[in-house]
Protein backbone atom coordinates (compact mmCIF):
# COMPACT_ATOMS: atom_id res chain seq x y z
CA MET A 1 37.79 -10.22 5.15
CA PRO A 2 41.00 -8.90 6.69
CA LYS A 3 41.78 -9.62 10.32
CA SER A 4 43.58 -6.36 10.88
CA PRO A 5 43.27 -3.19 8.76
CA SER A 6 46.33 -1.26 7.70
CA GLU A 7 47.17 1.90 5.79
CA ASN A 8 47.93 -0.22 2.69
CA ASN A 9 44.76 -2.28 3.00
CA PRO A 10 42.23 -0.05 4.80
CA SER A 11 39.27 -2.44 4.84
CA LEU A 12 37.48 -2.83 8.16
CA ARG A 13 34.99 -5.21 9.70
CA VAL A 14 32.39 -2.98 11.30
CA LEU A 15 29.59 -4.18 13.59
CA HIS A 16 26.65 -1.79 13.58
CA PHE A 17 23.70 -1.99 15.98
CA ALA A 18 21.25 0.47 17.51
CA ASP A 19 18.20 1.06 19.70
CA ALA A 20 19.03 -1.34 22.53
CA HIS A 21 16.37 0.08 24.91
CA ILE A 22 17.48 -2.39 27.56
CA ASP A 23 15.12 -1.04 30.24
CA MET A 24 11.94 -2.02 28.41
CA ALA A 25 9.75 -4.02 30.78
CA ASN A 26 6.26 -3.69 29.33
CA TYR A 27 5.31 -7.39 29.23
CA GLY A 28 5.77 -10.38 31.51
CA ARG A 29 7.03 -10.80 35.04
CA HIS A 30 10.24 -10.59 37.09
CA ASP A 31 12.88 -13.30 37.03
CA PRO A 32 13.16 -14.85 40.53
CA ASN A 33 16.93 -15.31 40.28
CA THR A 34 18.02 -11.86 39.09
CA ALA A 35 14.98 -9.83 40.24
CA LEU A 36 15.10 -8.18 36.82
CA PRO A 37 12.00 -8.03 34.61
CA VAL A 38 12.04 -10.96 32.19
CA ARG A 39 11.68 -8.61 29.23
CA VAL A 40 14.71 -6.60 30.37
CA MET A 41 16.64 -9.86 30.43
CA ASP A 42 15.48 -10.50 26.85
CA PHE A 43 17.04 -7.23 25.71
CA LEU A 44 20.21 -8.00 27.66
CA LYS A 45 20.43 -11.45 26.04
CA SER A 46 20.26 -9.82 22.62
CA LEU A 47 23.00 -7.42 23.68
CA ASP A 48 25.04 -10.39 24.93
CA GLN A 49 24.77 -12.04 21.51
CA ILE A 50 26.05 -8.88 19.82
CA VAL A 51 28.98 -8.43 22.21
CA GLU A 52 29.88 -12.12 22.00
CA PHE A 53 29.91 -11.93 18.21
CA ALA A 54 32.12 -8.83 18.25
CA VAL A 55 34.64 -10.41 20.60
CA LYS A 56 34.80 -13.83 18.93
CA GLU A 57 35.00 -12.75 15.30
CA PRO A 58 36.72 -10.38 16.08
CA VAL A 59 35.59 -7.10 14.54
CA ASP A 60 37.66 -3.97 14.02
CA LEU A 61 35.07 -1.37 15.04
CA VAL A 62 31.69 -1.34 16.80
CA ILE A 63 29.22 1.46 16.10
CA PHE A 64 26.22 1.76 18.39
CA ALA A 65 23.87 4.21 16.68
CA GLY A 66 22.03 5.43 19.77
CA ASP A 67 19.32 4.80 22.39
CA ALA A 68 20.84 2.55 25.02
CA TYR A 69 17.73 2.96 27.15
CA LYS A 70 14.07 3.84 26.80
CA ASP A 71 14.19 6.10 29.87
CA ARG A 72 16.43 9.19 29.95
CA ASN A 73 16.92 8.54 33.67
CA PRO A 74 17.68 4.80 33.77
CA GLN A 75 17.84 2.95 37.06
CA PRO A 76 21.35 2.24 38.35
CA THR A 77 20.73 -1.50 37.96
CA PHE A 78 20.12 -1.09 34.24
CA GLN A 79 23.18 1.15 33.92
CA ARG A 80 25.23 -1.57 35.61
CA GLU A 81 24.00 -4.21 33.17
CA TRP A 82 24.69 -2.00 30.14
CA GLY A 83 28.09 -1.02 31.52
CA GLN A 84 29.19 -4.62 32.10
CA ARG A 85 28.59 -5.48 28.46
CA ILE A 86 30.23 -2.39 27.01
CA MET A 87 33.23 -3.03 29.26
CA ARG A 88 33.68 -6.42 27.56
CA LEU A 89 34.25 -4.55 24.29
CA SER A 90 36.71 -2.26 26.03
CA GLN A 91 38.61 -5.17 27.59
CA ALA A 92 38.75 -6.87 24.18
CA GLY A 93 40.42 -3.75 22.79
CA ILE A 94 37.66 -3.11 20.24
CA PRO A 95 37.18 0.59 19.42
CA THR A 96 33.52 1.31 20.09
CA ILE A 97 31.52 4.44 19.26
CA LEU A 98 28.46 5.09 21.45
CA LEU A 99 26.24 7.56 19.64
CA VAL A 100 23.88 9.53 21.85
CA GLY A 101 20.22 9.05 20.86
CA ASN A 102 17.09 10.97 21.77
CA HIS A 103 16.36 8.56 24.65
CA ASP A 104 19.90 9.02 25.96
CA LYS A 105 19.71 12.79 26.16
CA ALA A 106 17.80 14.92 28.66
CA PRO A 107 15.85 17.83 27.15
CA ALA A 108 17.44 20.30 29.57
CA ALA A 109 20.74 21.83 28.42
CA GLY A 110 23.82 20.87 30.39
CA ARG A 111 22.47 17.55 31.66
CA ALA A 112 24.66 14.47 31.35
CA THR A 113 23.68 11.78 28.85
CA THR A 114 22.89 8.23 29.92
CA VAL A 115 26.25 7.01 28.55
CA GLN A 116 28.33 9.89 29.88
CA GLU A 117 30.19 7.78 32.44
CA PHE A 118 32.34 6.13 29.75
CA SER A 119 33.62 9.55 28.73
CA THR A 120 33.94 10.84 32.29
CA LEU A 121 35.98 7.78 33.36
CA ASP A 122 37.94 7.80 30.10
CA VAL A 123 37.20 4.10 29.51
CA PRO A 124 39.77 2.73 27.02
CA HIS A 125 38.52 2.20 23.44
CA ILE A 126 35.03 3.55 24.22
CA HIS A 127 34.16 6.82 22.46
CA VAL A 128 30.98 8.67 23.44
CA ALA A 129 29.68 10.68 20.48
CA ASP A 130 27.49 13.37 22.01
CA THR A 131 28.30 16.12 19.50
CA LEU A 132 28.49 16.50 15.75
CA ALA A 133 32.14 15.59 15.16
CA PHE A 134 34.75 14.00 12.94
CA MET A 135 36.72 11.08 14.38
CA GLY A 136 39.87 9.93 12.62
CA PRO A 137 42.75 7.49 13.07
CA ASP A 138 44.25 9.55 15.90
CA GLN A 139 41.15 9.10 18.07
CA LEU A 140 40.10 5.61 17.03
CA GLY A 141 43.48 3.98 16.51
CA LEU A 142 42.27 2.62 13.17
CA PRO A 143 42.64 3.73 9.55
CA VAL A 144 39.04 4.96 9.39
CA GLN A 145 37.10 8.22 9.53
CA VAL A 146 33.70 8.54 11.17
CA ILE A 147 31.35 11.52 11.07
CA THR A 148 29.15 11.31 14.17
CA VAL A 149 25.66 12.83 14.16
CA PRO A 150 24.02 12.22 17.55
CA TRP A 151 20.44 13.26 18.24
CA ILE A 152 20.36 16.94 17.31
CA SER A 153 18.15 19.20 19.43
CA ARG A 154 17.09 22.63 18.23
CA SER A 155 19.16 24.33 20.92
CA ALA A 156 22.32 22.61 19.69
CA LEU A 157 22.38 24.43 16.34
CA MET A 158 20.14 27.45 16.94
CA SER A 159 19.88 29.91 19.81
CA ARG A 160 16.57 30.80 21.40
CA GLU A 161 16.88 34.33 20.01
CA GLU A 162 17.33 33.03 16.46
CA SER A 163 14.27 30.79 16.65
CA ALA A 164 11.99 33.39 18.28
CA GLY A 165 8.93 34.11 16.17
CA ILE A 166 9.75 31.44 13.59
CA SER A 167 7.47 28.47 12.91
CA LEU A 168 8.67 24.98 13.86
CA GLY A 169 8.86 23.99 10.20
CA ASP A 170 11.12 26.94 9.38
CA VAL A 171 13.31 26.26 12.42
CA LEU A 172 13.82 22.64 11.37
CA GLU A 173 14.61 23.74 7.81
CA LEU A 174 17.27 26.18 9.05
CA ILE A 175 18.80 23.55 11.34
CA GLU A 176 18.88 21.01 8.51
CA SER A 177 20.66 23.56 6.31
CA ARG A 178 23.28 24.23 8.99
CA LEU A 179 23.77 20.54 9.68
CA THR A 180 24.18 19.81 5.96
CA ARG A 181 26.86 22.50 5.65
CA MET A 182 28.76 21.12 8.64
CA ILE A 183 28.68 17.55 7.31
CA SER A 184 29.74 18.81 3.86
CA ASN A 185 32.73 20.51 5.46
CA PHE A 186 33.76 17.22 7.08
CA LEU A 187 33.38 15.43 3.73
CA GLU A 188 35.53 17.97 1.94
CA ASN A 189 38.35 17.59 4.46
CA ALA A 190 38.25 13.79 4.66
CA ASP A 191 41.10 11.62 3.39
CA PRO A 192 39.77 9.76 0.29
CA SER A 193 42.27 6.94 0.81
CA LEU A 194 40.63 5.90 4.10
CA PRO A 195 37.13 4.47 4.69
CA LEU A 196 34.59 7.16 5.58
CA ILE A 197 31.52 6.33 7.69
CA LEU A 198 28.56 8.49 8.66
CA ALA A 199 26.95 7.38 11.94
CA ALA A 200 23.68 9.13 12.78
CA HIS A 201 20.78 8.82 15.18
CA ALA A 202 18.11 10.49 13.09
CA SER A 203 15.26 10.06 10.65
CA VAL A 204 16.17 9.99 6.98
CA LEU A 205 13.79 11.06 4.25
CA GLY A 206 12.36 7.97 2.58
CA ALA A 207 12.71 5.60 5.52
CA LYS A 208 9.79 3.37 6.50
CA TYR A 209 8.71 4.12 10.04
CA GLY A 210 7.67 1.57 12.61
CA SER A 211 5.40 1.70 15.64
CA GLU A 212 7.80 4.02 17.50
CA ARG A 213 6.78 6.85 15.14
CA ALA A 214 3.43 7.50 16.80
CA VAL A 215 3.79 11.14 17.85
CA MET A 216 7.05 12.60 16.53
CA LEU A 217 6.05 13.13 12.89
CA GLY A 218 6.76 16.71 11.86
CA HIS A 219 8.53 17.56 15.13
CA GLU A 220 12.11 16.47 14.50
CA LEU A 221 15.02 16.99 12.19
CA VAL A 222 15.04 14.78 9.09
CA LEU A 223 18.28 14.18 7.21
CA SER A 224 17.95 14.69 3.48
CA GLU A 225 18.76 11.91 1.03
CA ALA A 226 21.45 14.10 -0.54
CA VAL A 227 23.45 14.03 2.72
CA VAL A 228 23.42 10.26 3.23
CA ARG A 229 23.80 9.34 -0.46
CA ASP A 230 27.01 11.33 -0.94
CA LYS A 231 29.42 9.16 -2.95
CA ARG A 232 32.31 10.15 -0.71
CA LEU A 233 30.75 8.10 2.08
CA ASP A 234 31.52 4.38 2.25
CA TYR A 235 28.90 3.32 4.81
CA VAL A 236 26.02 5.03 6.64
CA ALA A 237 25.17 3.52 10.07
CA LEU A 238 21.75 4.68 11.24
CA GLY A 239 19.73 4.39 14.42
CA HIS A 240 16.40 5.76 15.71
CA ILE A 241 13.95 3.89 13.46
CA HIS A 242 13.33 0.39 14.82
CA LYS A 243 12.59 -1.30 11.51
CA HIS A 244 15.68 -2.75 9.85
CA GLN A 245 16.01 -1.47 6.30
CA SER A 246 18.41 -0.55 3.52
CA LEU A 247 17.70 2.83 1.91
CA ASN A 248 20.01 2.62 -1.10
CA GLY A 249 19.35 -0.81 -2.55
CA GLY A 250 22.57 -2.34 -3.86
CA LYS A 251 24.13 1.03 -4.62
CA GLN A 252 27.02 2.67 -2.79
CA PRO A 253 27.16 3.74 -0.08
CA PRO A 254 25.03 1.27 1.91
CA ILE A 255 22.57 3.33 3.99
CA ILE A 256 21.40 1.01 6.75
CA TYR A 257 19.06 1.14 9.72
CA SER A 258 20.11 -1.87 11.79
CA GLY A 259 16.80 -1.70 13.68
CA SER A 260 16.16 -2.34 17.37
CA ILE A 261 17.70 -5.44 18.99
CA GLU A 262 14.40 -6.73 20.45
CA ARG A 263 10.72 -6.17 19.78
CA ILE A 264 9.40 -3.15 21.64
CA ASP A 265 5.68 -3.84 21.20
CA PHE A 266 3.18 -5.56 18.90
CA GLY A 267 3.79 -2.96 16.21
CA GLU A 268 7.11 -4.79 15.68
CA ALA A 269 5.71 -8.32 16.02
CA LYS A 270 6.60 -9.37 12.46
CA GLU A 271 9.93 -7.56 12.20
CA LYS A 272 13.24 -9.41 12.30
CA LYS A 273 15.65 -8.13 14.92
CA GLY A 274 19.41 -8.17 14.68
CA PHE A 275 22.55 -6.23 13.81
CA VAL A 276 24.67 -5.52 10.76
CA MET A 277 28.15 -6.70 9.87
CA ALA A 278 29.82 -4.62 7.18
CA GLU A 279 33.15 -4.78 5.40
CA VAL A 280 33.93 -1.15 4.71
CA SER A 281 36.62 0.02 2.33
CA PRO A 282 37.15 3.18 0.24
CA GLY A 283 34.74 3.24 -2.68
CA HIS A 284 32.96 -0.03 -1.93
CA SER A 285 31.35 -1.74 1.07
CA GLU A 286 29.48 -4.98 1.61
CA TRP A 287 27.08 -5.68 4.46
CA GLU A 288 25.02 -8.47 5.99
CA PHE A 289 22.08 -8.42 8.41
CA ILE A 290 22.49 -11.00 11.17
CA SER A 291 19.35 -12.07 12.99
CA LEU A 292 19.27 -12.39 16.77
CA LYS A 293 17.48 -15.05 18.76
CA THR A 294 14.64 -13.06 20.28
CA ARG A 295 11.42 -13.79 22.11
CA PRO A 296 8.51 -14.31 19.68
CA PHE A 297 5.43 -12.10 19.64
CA VAL A 298 2.16 -13.78 18.66
CA ASP A 299 -0.64 -11.47 17.54
CA VAL A 300 -3.87 -13.06 16.26
CA PHE A 301 -7.02 -11.33 15.00
CA ILE A 302 -10.23 -13.39 15.17
CA GLU A 303 -13.68 -12.33 13.99
CA PRO A 304 -16.35 -15.01 14.62
CA GLU A 305 -19.01 -15.15 11.95
CA SER A 306 -21.92 -16.46 14.01
CA ALA A 307 -23.18 -16.42 17.57
CA ASP A 308 -24.13 -20.10 17.24
CA ASP A 309 -20.56 -21.38 17.18
CA PHE A 310 -18.88 -18.29 18.67
CA MET A 311 -16.46 -19.95 21.11
CA GLN A 312 -15.87 -23.00 18.91
CA TYR A 313 -14.76 -20.65 16.12
CA ILE A 314 -12.43 -18.74 18.44
CA MET A 315 -10.84 -21.87 19.93
CA HIS A 316 -10.30 -23.34 16.46
CA HIS A 317 -8.42 -20.23 15.31
CA LEU A 318 -6.22 -19.86 18.38
CA PRO A 319 -2.53 -20.76 17.89
CA GLY A 320 -1.30 -24.06 19.31
CA GLU A 321 0.28 -24.40 22.75
CA LYS A 322 3.76 -25.01 21.28
CA VAL A 323 3.51 -21.79 19.27
CA VAL A 324 2.61 -19.65 22.27
CA ALA A 325 4.96 -21.27 24.81
CA GLY A 326 7.22 -18.54 26.17
CA ALA A 327 5.86 -15.95 23.74
CA VAL A 328 4.34 -12.52 24.29
CA CYS A 329 0.79 -13.02 23.06
CA ARG A 330 -2.19 -10.90 22.13
CA ILE A 331 -5.55 -12.09 20.88
CA GLN A 332 -7.77 -9.53 19.19
CA LEU A 333 -11.45 -10.39 19.08
CA SER A 334 -13.93 -8.51 16.90
CA TYR A 335 -17.63 -9.09 17.45
CA PRO A 336 -20.97 -7.30 17.97
CA ARG A 337 -21.38 -5.77 21.38
CA ASP A 338 -24.38 -7.94 22.24
CA TRP A 339 -22.26 -11.10 21.87
CA GLU A 340 -20.15 -10.13 24.88
CA PRO A 341 -21.76 -12.75 27.22
CA LEU A 342 -20.55 -15.49 24.87
CA VAL A 343 -16.87 -14.76 25.52
CA ASP A 344 -15.25 -17.42 27.72
CA GLU A 345 -11.98 -15.77 28.75
CA VAL A 346 -11.05 -18.65 31.06
CA ALA A 347 -11.10 -21.13 28.17
CA ILE A 348 -9.04 -18.80 26.01
CA ALA A 349 -6.50 -18.12 28.76
CA LYS A 350 -6.00 -21.85 29.32
CA ARG A 351 -4.51 -22.12 25.82
CA PHE A 352 -1.90 -19.51 26.80
CA LYS A 353 -0.92 -20.89 30.20
CA ASP A 354 2.69 -21.39 29.08
CA SER A 355 3.10 -17.98 27.43
CA LEU A 356 5.19 -15.23 29.01
CA SER A 357 2.43 -12.68 28.64
CA PHE A 358 -1.13 -12.84 27.36
CA GLN A 359 -3.83 -10.28 26.78
CA ILE A 360 -7.22 -10.17 25.09
CA LEU A 361 -8.05 -7.06 23.12
CA LYS A 362 -11.76 -6.73 22.35
CA HIS A 363 -13.10 -4.77 19.40
CA ARG A 364 -16.82 -4.51 20.08
CA HIS A 365 -19.08 -2.92 17.49
CA SER A 366 -22.74 -2.03 17.61
CA GLU A 367 -23.72 -4.20 14.67
CA LYS A 368 -22.25 -7.35 13.21
CA ARG A 369 -19.63 -6.42 10.58
CA SER A 370 -20.10 -2.69 11.18
CA ARG A 371 -17.35 -0.80 9.38
CA LEU A 372 -16.25 2.78 8.97
CA GLY A 373 -18.37 4.23 6.20
CA ASP A 374 -21.41 2.00 6.67
CA THR A 375 -24.85 3.53 7.05
CA VAL A 376 -24.60 4.51 10.73
CA ALA A 377 -24.94 8.34 10.42
CA VAL A 378 -21.25 8.74 9.73
CA GLU A 379 -21.83 12.28 8.56
CA GLU A 380 -22.90 13.20 12.09
CA LEU A 381 -19.57 12.17 13.63
CA ARG A 382 -16.76 14.65 14.22
CA PRO A 383 -13.40 13.98 12.51
CA GLU A 384 -11.76 12.85 15.74
CA GLU A 385 -14.63 10.41 16.39
CA LEU A 386 -14.27 8.96 12.91
CA LEU A 387 -10.55 8.55 13.47
CA MET A 388 -11.07 6.74 16.76
CA GLN A 389 -13.37 4.28 14.98
CA TYR A 390 -10.73 3.83 12.31
CA TRP A 391 -7.96 3.06 14.84
CA GLN A 392 -10.20 0.33 16.27
CA THR A 393 -10.97 -1.01 12.80
CA ILE A 394 -7.28 -1.52 11.93
CA GLY A 395 -6.62 -3.22 15.26
CA LEU A 396 -4.63 -0.66 17.26
CA ASP A 397 -4.63 -1.25 21.00
CA GLU A 398 -5.71 1.42 23.48
CA GLU A 399 -2.23 2.88 24.00
CA GLU A 400 -1.52 3.06 20.26
CA SER A 401 -4.94 4.61 19.59
CA LYS A 402 -4.35 7.35 22.16
CA ALA A 403 -0.95 8.19 20.66
CA MET A 404 -2.35 8.38 17.15
CA GLN A 405 -5.30 10.44 18.36
CA ILE A 406 -2.95 13.01 19.94
CA LEU A 407 -1.07 13.38 16.67
CA ALA A 408 -4.29 13.55 14.62
CA THR A 409 -5.79 16.20 16.89
CA GLU A 410 -2.67 18.34 16.48
CA VAL A 411 -2.68 17.94 12.69
CA LEU A 412 -6.39 18.73 12.46
CA GLY A 413 -5.82 21.81 14.61
CA GLN A 414 -3.08 23.03 12.28
CA ALA A 415 -5.31 22.45 9.27
CA VAL A 416 -8.05 24.60 10.77
CA THR A 417 -5.67 27.47 11.55
């Protein structure tokens, strides 16, 4: 891989990451030395690994594909921590594109984004991409072209008057059509001798969604496959979906979700977290997913078979102390409601004394091995009641069940009307 791209050899080393969400603090405690939540420090450590890699390699271009935070109004402390790390890229002279994601942008028009300060202060080498735009060598100082597609709100491409009286589905279809035309115009005017990258914070048709997709389905713009698979593109850097995935197999261009840099919740417990290194050149690009050292999540489902050896069965199936040390842990127990007195939570908790976080999630049912569809007068239950039983059956926690129930209620309402 070349150390420095040139007009005669326009191949670039591009580091692509997304969905940092550094203010996530949903498990664990506060660190006594920094006063920051331990989980926030986990996200910052992942960010440190990425920045360190970029500086040491070094890379030619960094693309952050959106969502620096989880909160659109991050605390100043978190902004300081994010800023310190982005400034390292600036001081290293690495051109860096910060794409604005849905969690970086306030719903009200005219509000500043969470990464606006880099643009306001004109920080060297840091480019805030808050609008649909085309960046070329003049802006980036590199022989590369980047089409930036930040999180697109309805108001950005359609006035209130235009959308009045039109269904949400039709509005999204019109916006997608307009967005496609604008991107096509950029493609037509691009220099084919230089690498061309599309960086977007959006959903793409065909992507596999993770746990973060609880309530947005059908309410946001989805990029069509035709847009991202255009052969004139050399690499597509995506953010918004937390599950790392490649949408184009081994074909060109690579269409890559780098995924989030740390696990957000147990819905991502089994997902690998990391970033992508790509060598991008006109007509052909290679890429590699690089895993980060992240805090493990341990999620165990246990369903005792008998009341006689209830606790012995549970203790036998618990993970070992070395496995849970420092991990975020959840134990899901499924048993008949009348076995509740048999649960010894103190004995279970002792096994997890060295974990960062530990919770017991109980799935109690009225009869042993009761399942959705068994005899219990299922026909008398309303659809939403059946769904709530189903969420419990597949092991969703209370927060996840509520989110899914909200979406289901809305879908059922639309079906009735």
